[in-house]
Amino acid sequence: MSLSPPSSSPSHPSRRAVLSGLGATAAAAALPGCGPETSDRSSAALSFWQFFAPRGASAAQNEWFDRLVTQWNQNNEAQVRLQFVPNSQYVGGPKLQTAFSAEDGPDVFVVSPGDFLRYSNGGVLEDLSPHMTPEAREDFYPDLLASRAVDEAIYALPMGGGPMAMYYSVPAFEQAGLSEGDIPATWDQLLDVADKLTTDEQFGLVVDTSPTYYQNFTFYPFLWMAGGGIPGHQNPQGDFDSQGAVAALTLWQEMIESGVAPRTLLGESGSDIVSNLGSGYCAMQNAGMWGVSALAAGSPDLEYGVFRLPVPDDGEYVTATGGWAFAANARGRDPDAAARFCVWALGSMDEESIGRVASWCLEAQSYLPYRRSATEHATQQGFFDDGPMRTFRDEIFPGALGEPRLPSEMNKLISDAIQACQLTGKDPAEVAGTAQEGMENLLAAYDGAPLA
């Protein structure tokens, strides 16, 4: 796997007042559905915000979190209380940012690489490394831990992650007279096959069209495969106004303008594979490894396959892998207890911690563990013996690069560029140039943790 940490970094992140860049107003906390169910500050238990439990859609994920917290609470004076926040509010809404801006953030929460710098630069992440042994630290794949670390400090521990790939409906292929031999390997072939799969009732392909960090994440492999990059980012190096970046934006524009991909998706977003591929709304979908468990639960009768993302002419295969991570609030009720909880849950060399990570990745979710011991444990249990899970491990993951962590303003510039090409038909070269200029200006004034 061609992952590598950043080559250089400032010694410390900037701790600007009240999380500059969070961008949410305290008034949003009063909106219906945006405030805590109860006042976290008035409760004795440490609040743990996430979008999995106790009312998440997946029973297996609910059970995993319930076991986690129950076991901790039975053996520790500092209690932890789960607080479920719907994904639409947690990822797409202002709830988390608003809470931290009001100095009322959760004691424990989950964070993605795409939003890491928002909290790291805001000074609200507690260093977890004092509670980890050197052996445990080395057990993580270093390049996948680097996006959650600054210098020697570890600020979040990944639960695991899922690289991006293409899923396809076998019945849809058969109805179009296609077979495994027609699985697209290049961008041109992808557009051609998607056109053959498009009917009055079905789109040939789905890529995300929502302006979120997730959309950026799904776009990065196409950017990288064509030789494009993000200024200031070390792996891979490159610029957003390069020919490769323009080619990637052009491809995503052509998907929509040709009619093989929809402007509007079903369900929550482009990550909702059950509502799109599972329902027959599309025949192929760009989604991550989590789609395996989602389809098993939501569309168990669908016969489907998985293949590597197609590459441009003369391009080299690359994909992106991300994943959520546990983090502790340095300004919370008990930062030390919150940090100990995160490490106990995901970052200990105890057999229970190793098994817990493997269980999350291969039973509650469909992820690849980012710990060597958990990967070995899962392999011994036969989770990768065959099917899509084996394909992800053996064929898709070896080309993975970790999701970039970027300042929120840079994330928005990338999202705006994708949206401008996808949905408003603007010239990709012009859009790429505007985005590059904006990112260079931001980097010139940036004072924070390094981009990784």
Foldseek 3Di string as FASTA:
>chain_A
DPFDFFPDWDQAFAADPLQPQLPDELVVCPDPLQHFPDQCVVDQAFEEEDAQDDDHPFPLSNVLVVVLQVVDQVPDPRHYDYGHRHPCCVFVHSRQSSCSSVLRHGQKYKDWLQCQFSCRNNVFFDFLVVLFDPVLCVQFPVRQQNSQDFDPTGRWAFLFKWWKWKKFFPVLCVVLVHDPVQDAQALVSLLVQLVSSDDPQAAAEEQWQDLGLVSVQLLVQQLVQLPADPPQAVVPDHALLDPSNLVSLQSLLCCDVVRNYDNDFPDDTLQQCCRCCVVRRYGMGTYTQQVVVNCCPRRVPTDMAIDGDHGHVVTDGAIEMMGMTMTGTPSDDDRVVSSNSRCVCARYPPPVNLCSSLCCCQPSTPGQRSGNSNNVVNVVVPSLVDGPSVCRVPPHVVRYYYDKYDRPVLSSLSSVLSNCSHPVPDNNSVSSVVSRVVSVVCVVPDRGIRID
